[in-house]
N, C-alpha and C. Protein backbone atom coordinates (compact mmCIF):
# COMPACT_ATOMS: atom_id res chain seq x y z
N MET A 1 -45.92 9.06 -0.86
CA MET A 1 -46.26 7.87 -0.69
C MET A 1 -46.61 8.25 0.66
N GLU A 2 -47.63 7.73 1.76
CA GLU A 2 -47.80 8.16 3.09
C GLU A 2 -47.52 6.53 3.86
N VAL A 3 -46.68 6.50 4.66
CA VAL A 3 -46.87 5.29 5.44
C VAL A 3 -47.20 5.56 6.88
N VAL A 4 -48.47 4.67 7.11
CA VAL A 4 -49.07 4.89 8.30
C VAL A 4 -48.55 3.75 9.12
N LEU A 5 -48.38 4.04 10.46
CA LEU A 5 -47.55 2.64 10.97
C LEU A 5 -48.96 2.04 12.25
N GLY A 6 -49.84 3.10 12.08
CA GLY A 6 -51.19 2.07 13.26
C GLY A 6 -51.24 2.84 14.56
N GLU A 7 -52.08 2.73 15.23
CA GLU A 7 -51.90 3.50 16.42
C GLU A 7 -51.29 3.16 17.38
N THR A 8 -50.59 4.48 18.41
CA THR A 8 -49.96 3.74 19.35
C THR A 8 -50.89 3.60 20.61
N PRO A 9 -50.69 2.82 21.74
CA PRO A 9 -51.34 2.39 22.53
C PRO A 9 -51.44 3.47 23.39
N LYS A 10 -52.58 3.74 24.04
CA LYS A 10 -52.76 4.64 24.66
C LYS A 10 -52.18 4.31 26.17
N TYR A 11 -51.70 5.47 26.62
CA TYR A 11 -50.78 5.63 27.93
C TYR A 11 -49.41 5.41 27.28
N GLN A 12 -48.65 5.40 26.24
CA GLN A 12 -47.84 5.30 26.06
C GLN A 12 -46.56 6.06 26.81
N ARG A 13 -46.53 6.88 26.68
CA ARG A 13 -45.67 7.70 27.82
C ARG A 13 -45.93 7.25 29.40
N ALA A 14 -46.86 7.11 30.02
CA ALA A 14 -47.05 6.33 31.25
C ALA A 14 -46.26 5.27 31.85
N ARG A 15 -46.18 4.70 30.37
CA ARG A 15 -45.75 3.19 30.13
C ARG A 15 -44.03 3.62 30.29
N TYR A 16 -43.64 3.83 29.15
CA TYR A 16 -42.16 4.47 28.88
C TYR A 16 -41.62 5.17 30.26
N ASN A 17 -41.96 6.06 30.51
CA ASN A 17 -41.41 6.59 31.77
C ASN A 17 -41.65 5.58 33.16
N ALA A 18 -42.42 4.71 33.40
CA ALA A 18 -42.31 3.54 34.35
C ALA A 18 -41.45 3.02 33.83
N TYR A 19 -41.30 2.22 33.20
CA TYR A 19 -40.09 1.19 32.96
C TYR A 19 -38.86 1.75 32.90
N TRP A 20 -38.72 3.04 32.83
CA TRP A 20 -37.34 3.98 32.39
C TRP A 20 -37.08 4.23 33.87
N SER A 21 -38.08 4.64 34.92
CA SER A 21 -37.90 4.87 36.45
C SER A 21 -36.92 3.38 37.14
N ARG A 22 -37.96 2.40 36.30
CA ARG A 22 -37.21 0.94 37.42
C ARG A 22 -36.13 0.66 37.08
N SER A 23 -35.85 1.01 35.43
CA SER A 23 -34.31 0.85 35.27
C SER A 23 -33.17 1.33 36.39
N GLY A 24 -33.68 2.68 36.44
CA GLY A 24 -32.75 3.62 36.87
C GLY A 24 -32.32 2.78 38.65
N ILE A 25 -33.56 2.75 38.99
CA ILE A 25 -33.78 2.16 40.38
C ILE A 25 -33.56 0.83 40.60
N ASP A 26 -33.44 -0.51 39.91
CA ASP A 26 -33.22 -1.41 39.90
C ASP A 26 -31.86 -2.00 39.35
N THR A 27 -31.12 -1.29 39.86
CA THR A 27 -29.37 -1.48 39.06
C THR A 27 -28.68 -1.33 40.73
N THR A 28 -27.11 -2.15 40.79
CA THR A 28 -25.94 -2.06 41.27
C THR A 28 -25.41 -0.70 41.28
N LEU A 29 -26.02 0.26 40.10
CA LEU A 29 -24.85 1.26 39.74
C LEU A 29 -25.27 2.39 40.44
N ARG A 30 -24.95 3.25 40.91
CA ARG A 30 -25.46 4.88 41.19
C ARG A 30 -26.58 5.82 40.97
N VAL A 31 -27.27 6.20 41.14
CA VAL A 31 -28.20 6.87 40.31
C VAL A 31 -27.59 8.33 39.46
N GLU A 32 -28.13 8.24 38.25
CA GLU A 32 -27.60 9.61 37.51
C GLU A 32 -28.61 10.43 37.95
N LYS A 33 -28.23 11.35 36.94
CA LYS A 33 -28.99 12.69 36.29
C LYS A 33 -30.07 12.12 35.78
N ASP A 34 -30.15 11.24 34.87
CA ASP A 34 -31.31 10.54 33.76
C ASP A 34 -32.15 10.03 34.44
N ASN A 35 -31.68 9.14 35.65
CA ASN A 35 -32.12 8.54 35.94
C ASN A 35 -33.44 9.40 37.17
N ILE A 36 -32.71 10.55 37.69
CA ILE A 36 -33.54 11.14 38.45
C ILE A 36 -34.90 11.90 37.11
N ASN A 37 -34.26 12.63 36.26
CA ASN A 37 -35.21 12.73 35.30
C ASN A 37 -36.34 12.20 34.71
N ASP A 38 -35.93 10.51 34.86
CA ASP A 38 -37.19 9.57 34.52
C ASP A 38 -38.20 9.43 35.28
N TYR A 39 -37.85 9.94 36.88
CA TYR A 39 -38.42 9.78 38.05
C TYR A 39 -39.29 10.39 37.91
N LYS A 40 -39.06 11.72 37.76
CA LYS A 40 -39.66 12.97 37.55
C LYS A 40 -40.94 13.19 36.87
N ALA A 41 -40.38 12.36 35.71
CA ALA A 41 -41.41 12.35 34.05
C ALA A 41 -42.34 11.15 34.67
N HIS A 42 -42.31 10.20 35.56
CA HIS A 42 -43.04 9.07 35.73
C HIS A 42 -44.16 9.74 37.15
N LEU A 43 -43.48 10.69 38.07
CA LEU A 43 -44.40 11.18 39.07
C LEU A 43 -44.95 12.54 38.06
N ARG A 44 -44.86 13.24 37.27
CA ARG A 44 -45.63 13.96 36.67
C ARG A 44 -47.09 13.49 36.17
N ASP A 45 -46.83 12.12 35.44
CA ASP A 45 -47.97 11.33 35.14
C ASP A 45 -48.92 11.08 36.07
N CYS A 46 -48.05 10.61 37.15
CA CYS A 46 -48.85 10.49 38.40
C CYS A 46 -49.74 11.36 38.58
N GLU A 47 -48.98 12.26 38.60
CA GLU A 47 -49.70 13.73 39.26
C GLU A 47 -51.09 13.89 37.69
N GLU A 48 -50.75 13.95 36.59
CA GLU A 48 -51.51 14.20 35.61
C GLU A 48 -52.61 13.43 35.74
N ASN A 49 -52.71 12.72 35.96
CA ASN A 49 -53.18 11.39 35.31
C ASN A 49 -53.32 10.33 36.96
N PRO A 50 -53.61 10.20 38.22
CA PRO A 50 -53.36 9.47 39.02
C PRO A 50 -53.40 8.19 39.12
N THR A 51 -54.64 8.04 38.11
CA THR A 51 -54.89 6.27 38.34
C THR A 51 -54.44 5.84 37.42
N VAL A 52 -53.86 6.06 36.32
CA VAL A 52 -53.14 5.63 34.93
C VAL A 52 -51.55 5.60 35.46
N GLY A 53 -51.15 6.79 36.07
CA GLY A 53 -49.78 6.81 36.87
C GLY A 53 -49.68 5.37 37.65
N LEU A 54 -50.62 5.33 38.79
CA LEU A 54 -50.36 4.49 39.60
C LEU A 54 -50.47 2.69 38.73
N LEU A 55 -51.56 2.29 37.93
CA LEU A 55 -51.31 0.81 37.06
C LEU A 55 -50.00 1.11 36.42
N ALA A 56 -49.54 2.05 35.87
CA ALA A 56 -48.00 1.59 35.54
C ALA A 56 -47.08 1.43 36.41
N ARG A 57 -47.10 2.51 37.71
CA ARG A 57 -46.00 2.27 38.42
C ARG A 57 -46.47 0.72 39.06
N LYS A 58 -47.55 -0.23 39.49
CA LYS A 58 -47.77 -1.19 39.69
C LYS A 58 -46.97 -2.36 37.99
N LYS A 59 -47.56 -1.79 37.49
CA LYS A 59 -47.23 -2.83 36.18
C LYS A 59 -45.59 -3.23 36.06
N TYR A 60 -44.91 -1.80 36.31
CA TYR A 60 -43.50 -1.83 35.81
C TYR A 60 -42.85 -1.44 36.88
N ILE A 61 -42.83 -0.93 37.65
CA ILE A 61 -42.15 -0.93 39.26
C ILE A 61 -42.62 -1.56 40.28
N THR A 62 -43.58 -1.48 41.04
CA THR A 62 -44.17 -2.72 41.83
C THR A 62 -44.49 -3.76 41.84
N GLY A 63 -44.87 -4.14 40.65
CA GLY A 63 -45.91 -5.22 40.41
C GLY A 63 -44.64 -6.66 40.24
N LYS A 64 -43.18 -6.64 40.44
CA LYS A 64 -42.17 -7.45 40.16
C LYS A 64 -41.31 -7.15 41.21
N PRO A 65 -40.79 -8.29 41.63
CA PRO A 65 -39.81 -8.19 42.56
C PRO A 65 -38.63 -7.96 41.95
N MET A 66 -38.09 -7.12 42.74
CA MET A 66 -36.58 -6.06 42.10
C MET A 66 -35.70 -7.19 42.02
N ASN A 67 -34.39 -6.94 41.12
CA ASN A 67 -33.56 -7.77 41.03
C ASN A 67 -32.47 -7.64 42.21
N TYR A 68 -32.09 -6.48 42.79
CA TYR A 68 -30.86 -5.83 43.37
C TYR A 68 -32.04 -4.92 44.56
N PRO A 69 -32.61 -5.59 45.90
CA PRO A 69 -33.51 -5.20 46.17
C PRO A 69 -32.60 -4.12 47.06
N GLU A 70 -31.41 -4.41 47.74
CA GLU A 70 -31.08 -3.58 48.59
C GLU A 70 -30.25 -2.56 47.72
N THR A 71 -29.75 -2.60 46.82
CA THR A 71 -29.73 -1.32 46.31
C THR A 71 -30.73 -0.44 45.52
N ALA A 72 -32.08 -1.08 45.31
CA ALA A 72 -32.74 -0.59 45.10
C ALA A 72 -33.36 0.60 46.36
N TYR A 73 -33.48 -0.03 47.33
CA TYR A 73 -34.14 0.77 48.20
C TYR A 73 -32.94 1.57 48.37
N ARG A 74 -32.00 1.47 48.38
CA ARG A 74 -30.70 2.60 48.38
C ARG A 74 -30.88 3.77 47.41
N ASN A 75 -31.24 3.08 46.24
CA ASN A 75 -31.46 4.23 45.34
C ASN A 75 -32.92 4.81 44.72
N VAL A 76 -33.74 4.89 45.27
CA VAL A 76 -34.99 5.45 46.15
C VAL A 76 -34.77 6.44 47.06
N ARG A 77 -34.40 5.75 48.11
CA ARG A 77 -34.15 6.85 48.76
C ARG A 77 -33.35 8.38 48.64
N TYR A 78 -32.25 8.00 48.01
CA TYR A 78 -31.82 8.91 47.10
C TYR A 78 -31.97 9.93 46.23
N MET A 79 -33.02 8.68 45.34
CA MET A 79 -33.62 9.94 44.85
C MET A 79 -34.65 10.73 45.70
N GLU A 80 -35.31 10.14 46.81
CA GLU A 80 -36.44 11.06 47.38
C GLU A 80 -35.82 12.23 48.18
N LYS A 81 -34.36 12.12 48.60
CA LYS A 81 -33.27 13.31 49.20
C LYS A 81 -33.34 14.56 48.11
N ASN A 82 -34.22 14.44 46.77
CA ASN A 82 -34.02 15.30 45.99
C ASN A 82 -35.20 16.07 46.26
N SER A 83 -35.46 17.22 46.41
CA SER A 83 -36.25 18.75 46.85
C SER A 83 -37.24 18.34 46.22
N GLU A 84 -36.82 18.58 44.89
CA GLU A 84 -37.91 18.69 43.36
C GLU A 84 -38.80 17.30 43.56
N ILE A 85 -37.70 16.05 43.81
CA ILE A 85 -39.45 14.86 43.76
C ILE A 85 -40.00 15.11 45.37
N ASP A 86 -39.45 15.07 46.26
CA ASP A 86 -40.18 15.15 47.23
C ASP A 86 -41.28 15.91 47.24
N THR A 87 -41.25 17.23 46.88
CA THR A 87 -42.65 17.78 46.71
C THR A 87 -43.68 17.59 45.41
N MET A 88 -42.64 17.00 44.64
CA MET A 88 -43.82 15.92 43.62
C MET A 88 -44.64 14.94 43.90
N ILE A 89 -43.87 14.15 45.21
CA ILE A 89 -44.37 12.62 45.76
C ILE A 89 -45.86 13.50 46.24
N LYS A 90 -45.18 14.61 47.42
CA LYS A 90 -46.13 15.11 48.13
C LYS A 90 -47.47 15.60 47.30
N SER A 91 -47.50 16.28 46.40
CA SER A 91 -48.12 16.84 45.33
C SER A 91 -49.28 15.99 44.92
N VAL A 92 -48.47 14.69 44.38
CA VAL A 92 -49.35 13.52 44.27
C VAL A 92 -50.69 13.27 45.15
N ASN A 93 -49.79 12.84 46.17
CA ASN A 93 -50.86 12.16 47.39
C ASN A 93 -51.67 13.27 47.75
N LYS A 94 -51.46 14.51 47.73
CA LYS A 94 -52.88 15.14 47.95
C LYS A 94 -53.51 15.58 46.55
N LYS A 95 -53.33 15.45 45.49
CA LYS A 95 -54.26 15.15 44.33
C LYS A 95 -54.61 14.06 44.37
N ILE A 96 -54.39 13.04 44.65
CA ILE A 96 -55.07 11.82 44.95
C ILE A 96 -56.36 11.90 46.02
N LYS A 97 -55.71 12.29 47.43
CA LYS A 97 -56.95 12.66 48.63
C LYS A 97 -58.15 13.80 47.78
N GLU A 98 -57.25 14.87 47.07
CA GLU A 98 -58.30 16.01 46.47
C GLU A 98 -59.24 15.22 45.46
N LEU A 99 -58.86 14.52 44.78
CA LEU A 99 -59.82 14.01 43.42
C LEU A 99 -60.43 12.27 43.79
N TYR A 100 -60.16 11.76 44.88
CA TYR A 100 -60.65 10.58 45.48
C TYR A 100 -60.88 10.32 47.09
N PRO A 101 -61.54 11.33 47.85
CA PRO A 101 -61.69 11.40 48.78
C PRO A 101 -62.04 10.41 49.55
N ARG A 102 -63.51 10.15 49.31
CA ARG A 102 -63.85 8.81 49.56
C ARG A 102 -63.33 7.44 49.22
N THR A 103 -63.16 7.37 47.88
CA THR A 103 -62.36 6.21 47.15
C THR A 103 -61.13 5.77 46.79
N ALA A 104 -60.21 6.57 47.00
CA ALA A 104 -58.95 6.24 47.24
C ALA A 104 -58.67 5.07 47.73
N HIS A 105 -58.92 4.35 49.14
CA HIS A 105 -58.48 3.33 49.72
C HIS A 105 -58.89 2.47 48.49
N ILE A 106 -60.64 2.14 47.93
CA ILE A 106 -60.63 1.29 47.56
C ILE A 106 -60.08 1.23 45.93
N ARG A 107 -59.79 2.50 45.18
CA ARG A 107 -59.02 2.37 44.00
C ARG A 107 -57.53 1.99 44.26
N GLU A 108 -56.30 2.07 45.00
CA GLU A 108 -55.83 1.38 46.23
C GLU A 108 -55.65 0.35 46.12
N TYR A 109 -56.76 -0.71 46.80
CA TYR A 109 -57.00 -1.95 46.61
C TYR A 109 -57.31 -2.57 45.04
N ILE A 110 -58.33 -2.24 44.73
CA ILE A 110 -58.13 -2.52 43.35
C ILE A 110 -56.24 -2.67 42.61
N ILE A 111 -56.69 -1.74 42.16
CA ILE A 111 -55.03 -1.32 41.39
C ILE A 111 -53.88 -2.72 42.24
N ASP A 112 -53.80 -2.90 43.44
CA ASP A 112 -52.99 -4.06 44.28
C ASP A 112 -53.25 -5.07 44.10
N ASN A 113 -54.78 -5.48 43.75
CA ASN A 113 -55.09 -6.81 43.63
C ASN A 113 -55.36 -7.29 42.12
N ASN A 114 -54.55 -6.35 41.41
CA ASN A 114 -54.59 -6.60 39.75
C ASN A 114 -56.13 -6.81 39.23
N ARG A 115 -57.31 -6.20 40.08
CA ARG A 115 -58.85 -6.00 39.41
C ARG A 115 -58.83 -5.21 38.32
N VAL A 116 -57.87 -4.79 37.63
CA VAL A 116 -57.51 -3.45 36.60
C VAL A 116 -56.13 -3.35 36.63
N VAL A 117 -55.89 -3.79 34.80
CA VAL A 117 -54.93 -3.29 34.45
C VAL A 117 -54.42 -2.54 33.36
N LEU A 118 -53.75 -2.11 33.19
CA LEU A 118 -53.58 -1.03 32.38
C LEU A 118 -53.60 -1.50 30.59
N ASP A 119 -54.59 -0.94 30.16
CA ASP A 119 -54.45 -0.70 28.78
C ASP A 119 -55.13 -2.29 28.39
N GLY A 120 -56.03 -2.88 29.07
CA GLY A 120 -56.32 -4.28 28.71
C GLY A 120 -58.07 -5.15 29.69
N THR A 121 -58.33 -5.84 29.56
CA THR A 121 -59.35 -6.12 30.21
C THR A 121 -58.77 -7.28 30.52
N GLU A 122 -59.33 -7.98 31.81
CA GLU A 122 -59.31 -8.87 32.55
C GLU A 122 -60.37 -9.58 32.70
N LYS A 123 -60.80 -10.72 33.36
CA LYS A 123 -61.91 -11.18 33.86
C LYS A 123 -62.46 -10.46 34.92
N VAL A 124 -63.43 -10.56 35.12
CA VAL A 124 -64.07 -9.62 36.15
C VAL A 124 -63.60 -10.99 37.47
N LYS A 125 -63.23 -10.71 38.85
CA LYS A 125 -62.86 -11.44 39.80
C LYS A 125 -64.13 -10.99 40.85
N GLU A 126 -64.76 -12.03 40.98
CA GLU A 126 -65.52 -11.71 42.06
C GLU A 126 -65.13 -11.51 43.54
N TYR A 127 -65.70 -10.84 44.24
CA TYR A 127 -65.84 -10.11 45.28
C TYR A 127 -66.55 -11.10 46.42
N THR A 128 -65.48 -11.62 47.23
CA THR A 128 -66.06 -12.72 48.21
C THR A 128 -66.51 -11.34 49.27
N VAL A 129 -66.78 -12.14 50.33
CA VAL A 129 -67.28 -11.42 51.71
C VAL A 129 -65.66 -10.85 52.35
N PHE A 130 -64.35 -11.54 52.32
CA PHE A 130 -63.39 -11.22 52.90
C PHE A 130 -63.13 -9.99 52.06
N ASP A 131 -63.06 -9.87 50.96
CA ASP A 131 -62.67 -8.82 50.34
C ASP A 131 -63.47 -7.59 50.66
N LYS A 132 -64.80 -7.50 50.61
CA LYS A 132 -65.40 -6.74 50.79
C LYS A 132 -64.95 -6.04 52.39
N LEU A 133 -64.79 -7.02 53.15
CA LEU A 133 -64.32 -6.91 54.69
C LEU A 133 -63.08 -6.21 54.53
N LYS A 134 -62.18 -6.67 53.71
CA LYS A 134 -60.97 -5.60 53.86
C LYS A 134 -61.19 -4.34 53.03
N ILE A 135 -61.94 -4.27 51.90
CA ILE A 135 -61.65 -2.53 51.73
C ILE A 135 -62.50 -2.02 52.57
N MET A 136 -63.96 -2.47 53.54
CA MET A 136 -63.96 -1.68 54.26
C MET A 136 -63.48 -1.14 55.58
N LEU A 137 -62.19 -2.33 55.92
CA LEU A 137 -61.48 -1.82 57.52
C LEU A 137 -60.21 -1.21 56.71
N LYS A 138 -59.82 -1.27 55.38
CA LYS A 138 -58.80 -0.50 54.92
C LYS A 138 -59.20 1.22 54.85
N ARG A 139 -60.26 1.47 54.63
CA ARG A 139 -60.64 2.82 54.98
C ARG A 139 -60.76 3.94 56.41
N PHE A 140 -60.71 2.34 57.45
CA PHE A 140 -60.48 3.13 58.34
C PHE A 140 -59.18 2.91 59.52
N PHE A 141 -58.47 1.89 58.37
CA PHE A 141 -57.00 1.61 58.78
C PHE A 141 -55.90 2.20 58.24
């Protein structure tokens, strides 16, 4: 007899890594090796598929206010001092610039303003004249 649990949601690994990255960042405790490994896994997801990685980051890390903002800032700075993480961040930024040379600023705007969500559909929001102006100005500034 075979038990079928059903289909796992798409991008489950990206969600999982972003969720555990936030738990390592947003704490009053010091950063441990496991937290650094979770953050590295999240950055690997961002490097493999930048749009999905950034959507997961928006949903689980930057989309909600931190419970302990002072220590979260300290923990992020501590993790970024790690040379491996620093090179991974640079490679993610480089890959985004290579993949989306002209549309990176538009993708960033769409993700930051919840125009698209991870594994779901939202009602399409109409772009006003001011939204279009913001997108155009973001490219130059």
